[in-house]
Amino acid sequence: MSRQILFIHGAGHKDQPSGSGKLISYLQKRLGNDYEVRAPDMPDPYHPTYQAWGDQIEQELGKLDADALLVGHSLGGSMLLKYLAQGTYQRPIAGLFLVSVPYWGKRDWELEYAVPDNFASRLPPIRHLFLYHSRSDEVVPFSSLRRYQEKLPQATVRVLDGKEHSFTEGLPLLAQDIKQSSSSV
């Protein structure tokens, strides 16, 4: 039986040129038949709302086996983390992999996506937590990684050289970390 991975894509349609689709395809190919990468189309991706995405995340998590592997890319990582911080999902998570995730501030329009200040204490048990961010990401500032690193000191942080955000050519470290994390379960 293959290991299930739930991948929540970033804003916009995942199959647009700078969308998450190429990273999703890369992961499925790199991980092989031992893994099933589930990447549902999220609701209204060009005008995302937390309520709609949170509801979809809840449905998708309900379809997974125990000890899920979760990947969130960009806004999808924000939405996934916020959902998990609501405290309603309490099943253990084998691995949470957050790629190029913005740390939202407190400006009015950002509040919808922002995690609560105490979000780290409200997360379900997570065996392996990884944060990936390019040093010169042109979409999400590198300072976002530092903010998450402060709040999640248990996370393994992968600082990547360059300015990649969507990782359209793939992210070998992510595939490697997924394999290593799932083999230690």
Protein backbone atom coordinates (compact mmCIF):
# COMPACT_ATOMS: atom_id res chain seq x y z
CA MET A 1 0.00 0.00 0.00
CA SER A 2 1.36 3.43 -0.93
CA ARG A 3 1.92 6.27 1.55
CA GLN A 4 -0.53 9.12 1.11
CA ILE A 5 0.62 12.70 0.79
CA LEU A 6 -1.83 15.58 0.83
CA PHE A 7 -0.43 18.54 -1.13
CA ILE A 8 -2.21 21.90 -0.75
CA HIS A 9 -1.23 24.13 -3.66
CA GLY A 10 -0.62 27.87 -3.67
CA ALA A 11 -2.92 30.65 -4.86
CA GLY A 12 -3.97 30.59 -8.47
CA HIS A 13 -4.64 27.47 -10.50
CA LYS A 14 -2.00 24.85 -9.79
CA ASP A 15 -1.47 24.20 -13.51
CA GLN A 16 -0.62 27.80 -14.41
CA PRO A 17 3.06 28.23 -15.44
CA SER A 18 4.15 29.46 -11.99
CA GLY A 19 1.67 27.30 -10.08
CA SER A 20 2.34 24.34 -7.82
CA GLY A 21 1.54 21.75 -10.52
CA LYS A 22 5.11 21.17 -11.67
CA LEU A 23 6.29 20.64 -8.10
CA ILE A 24 3.41 18.20 -7.53
CA SER A 25 4.32 16.26 -10.70
CA TYR A 26 7.98 16.28 -9.76
CA LEU A 27 7.21 14.83 -6.31
CA GLN A 28 5.02 12.06 -7.70
CA LYS A 29 7.67 11.09 -10.22
CA ARG A 30 10.57 11.35 -7.76
CA LEU A 31 8.78 9.49 -4.97
CA GLY A 32 7.48 6.75 -7.22
CA ASN A 33 4.75 4.18 -6.68
CA ASP A 34 5.40 3.93 -2.96
CA TYR A 35 3.62 7.28 -2.56
CA GLU A 36 0.31 8.71 -3.68
CA VAL A 37 0.42 12.49 -3.98
CA ARG A 38 -3.10 13.84 -3.59
CA ALA A 39 -3.35 17.42 -4.80
CA PRO A 40 -6.97 18.52 -4.92
CA ASP A 41 -8.01 21.63 -6.79
CA MET A 42 -8.74 24.17 -4.09
CA PRO A 43 -11.89 26.32 -4.33
CA ASP A 44 -11.76 29.58 -6.28
CA PRO A 45 -7.94 29.62 -6.37
CA TYR A 46 -7.73 33.14 -7.82
CA HIS A 47 -9.86 34.55 -4.97
CA PRO A 48 -9.05 32.21 -2.08
CA THR A 49 -10.91 32.50 1.20
CA TYR A 50 -9.88 30.74 4.35
CA GLN A 51 -13.37 29.40 4.99
CA ALA A 52 -13.63 27.65 1.61
CA TRP A 53 -10.06 26.33 1.70
CA GLY A 54 -10.36 25.27 5.35
CA ASP A 55 -13.51 23.29 4.54
CA GLN A 56 -11.74 21.58 1.62
CA ILE A 57 -8.68 20.81 3.76
CA GLU A 58 -10.94 19.26 6.40
CA GLN A 59 -12.60 17.04 3.79
CA GLU A 60 -9.26 15.96 2.34
CA LEU A 61 -7.73 15.19 5.74
CA GLY A 62 -10.75 13.00 6.48
CA LYS A 63 -9.83 10.80 3.51
CA LEU A 64 -6.28 10.10 4.70
CA ASP A 65 -4.89 7.18 6.63
CA ALA A 66 -3.35 7.73 10.06
CA ASP A 67 0.06 9.41 10.25
CA ALA A 68 -0.49 11.64 7.26
CA LEU A 69 2.23 13.36 5.25
CA LEU A 70 1.20 16.93 4.45
CA VAL A 71 2.79 19.43 2.07
CA GLY A 72 1.74 23.06 1.84
CA HIS A 73 3.10 25.36 -0.84
CA SER A 74 2.96 29.15 -0.51
CA LEU A 75 -0.60 30.27 0.34
CA GLY A 76 -1.60 26.60 0.55
CA GLY A 77 0.90 26.19 3.37
CA SER A 78 -0.62 29.19 5.16
CA MET A 79 -4.10 27.75 4.82
CA LEU A 80 -2.99 24.29 5.97
CA LEU A 81 -1.12 25.65 8.98
CA LYS A 82 -4.04 27.88 9.98
CA TYR A 83 -6.44 24.95 9.71
CA LEU A 84 -4.20 22.75 11.86
CA ALA A 85 -3.84 25.57 14.43
CA GLN A 86 -7.63 25.67 14.88
CA GLY A 87 -7.15 22.63 17.09
CA THR A 88 -9.95 20.52 15.60
CA TYR A 89 -7.66 18.02 13.82
CA GLN A 90 -5.86 16.01 16.49
CA ARG A 91 -4.64 12.93 14.64
CA PRO A 92 -0.85 12.57 14.64
CA ILE A 93 0.92 13.84 11.54
CA ALA A 94 3.96 11.91 10.33
CA GLY A 95 5.37 14.87 8.42
CA LEU A 96 4.47 18.48 7.69
CA PHE A 97 6.48 20.10 4.88
CA LEU A 98 5.97 23.84 4.35
CA VAL A 99 7.44 25.32 1.15
CA SER A 100 7.77 29.10 0.57
CA VAL A 101 5.00 29.89 3.05
CA PRO A 102 4.21 33.55 3.79
CA TYR A 103 3.93 34.68 7.39
CA TRP A 104 0.97 37.01 7.31
CA GLY A 105 0.87 40.16 9.38
CA LYS A 106 -1.99 41.92 11.08
CA ARG A 107 -3.12 44.27 8.29
CA ASP A 108 -6.84 43.97 7.63
CA TRP A 109 -6.62 41.97 4.41
CA GLU A 110 -3.96 39.64 5.83
CA LEU A 111 -5.94 38.64 8.92
CA GLU A 112 -7.90 36.06 6.95
CA TYR A 113 -4.73 34.07 6.27
CA ALA A 114 -2.75 34.79 9.46
CA VAL A 115 -2.20 32.13 12.09
CA PRO A 116 -3.06 33.05 15.68
CA ASP A 117 -0.13 34.22 17.83
CA ASN A 118 -0.20 30.98 19.83
CA PHE A 119 -0.59 28.73 16.79
CA ALA A 120 2.44 26.54 17.57
CA SER A 121 0.93 25.35 20.85
CA ARG A 122 -2.33 24.45 19.14
CA LEU A 123 -0.95 22.16 16.44
CA PRO A 124 -1.62 18.41 16.54
CA PRO A 125 1.34 16.10 17.22
CA ILE A 126 3.77 16.38 14.28
CA ARG A 127 6.62 13.88 14.12
CA HIS A 128 8.67 15.66 11.43
CA LEU A 129 8.34 19.35 10.56
CA PHE A 130 10.29 20.97 7.73
CA LEU A 131 10.43 24.55 6.44
CA TYR A 132 11.84 25.33 2.96
CA HIS A 133 12.51 28.81 1.63
CA SER A 134 14.77 30.39 -0.96
CA ARG A 135 17.04 33.10 0.37
CA SER A 136 16.00 35.48 -2.43
CA ASP A 137 12.41 34.31 -3.04
CA GLU A 138 10.83 36.99 -5.23
CA VAL A 139 7.25 36.23 -4.13
CA VAL A 140 7.42 35.58 -0.38
CA PRO A 141 10.05 37.44 1.64
CA PHE A 142 12.74 35.43 3.39
CA SER A 143 11.70 37.09 6.64
CA SER A 144 8.63 34.82 6.61
CA LEU A 145 10.89 31.81 7.12
CA ARG A 146 12.60 33.50 10.06
CA ARG A 147 9.24 34.24 11.71
CA TYR A 148 8.15 30.60 11.40
CA GLN A 149 11.56 29.46 12.61
CA GLU A 150 11.09 31.55 15.79
CA LYS A 151 7.64 30.07 16.43
CA LEU A 152 8.54 26.50 15.45
CA PRO A 153 12.03 25.91 16.86
CA GLN A 154 11.60 22.13 16.51
CA ALA A 155 11.40 22.46 12.71
CA THR A 156 14.19 21.43 10.40
CA VAL A 157 14.90 24.51 8.30
CA ARG A 158 16.10 24.23 4.71
CA VAL A 159 17.47 27.56 3.48
CA LEU A 160 17.86 27.35 -0.28
CA ASP A 161 20.11 29.51 -2.42
CA GLY A 162 18.53 31.41 -5.30
CA LYS A 163 15.19 33.09 -5.85
CA GLU A 164 12.94 30.12 -6.57
CA HIS A 165 9.39 30.21 -5.23
CA SER A 166 7.43 27.65 -7.24
CA PHE A 167 10.24 25.10 -7.74
CA THR A 168 9.05 24.30 -11.25
CA GLU A 169 12.19 22.20 -11.79
CA GLY A 170 11.58 20.30 -8.55
CA LEU A 171 12.87 20.35 -5.00
CA PRO A 172 15.13 17.33 -4.39
CA LEU A 173 15.50 18.07 -0.66
CA LEU A 174 11.73 17.90 -0.22
CA ALA A 175 11.51 14.48 -1.87
CA GLN A 176 14.50 13.26 0.15
CA ASP A 177 13.02 14.54 3.43
CA ILE A 178 9.65 12.94 2.69
CA LYS A 179 11.30 9.58 2.04
CA GLN A 180 13.45 9.76 5.16
CA SER A 181 10.56 10.94 7.34
CA SER A 182 8.21 8.21 6.19
CA SER A 183 10.83 5.49 6.60
CA SER A 184 11.27 6.41 10.27
CA VAL A 185 7.55 6.03 11.06
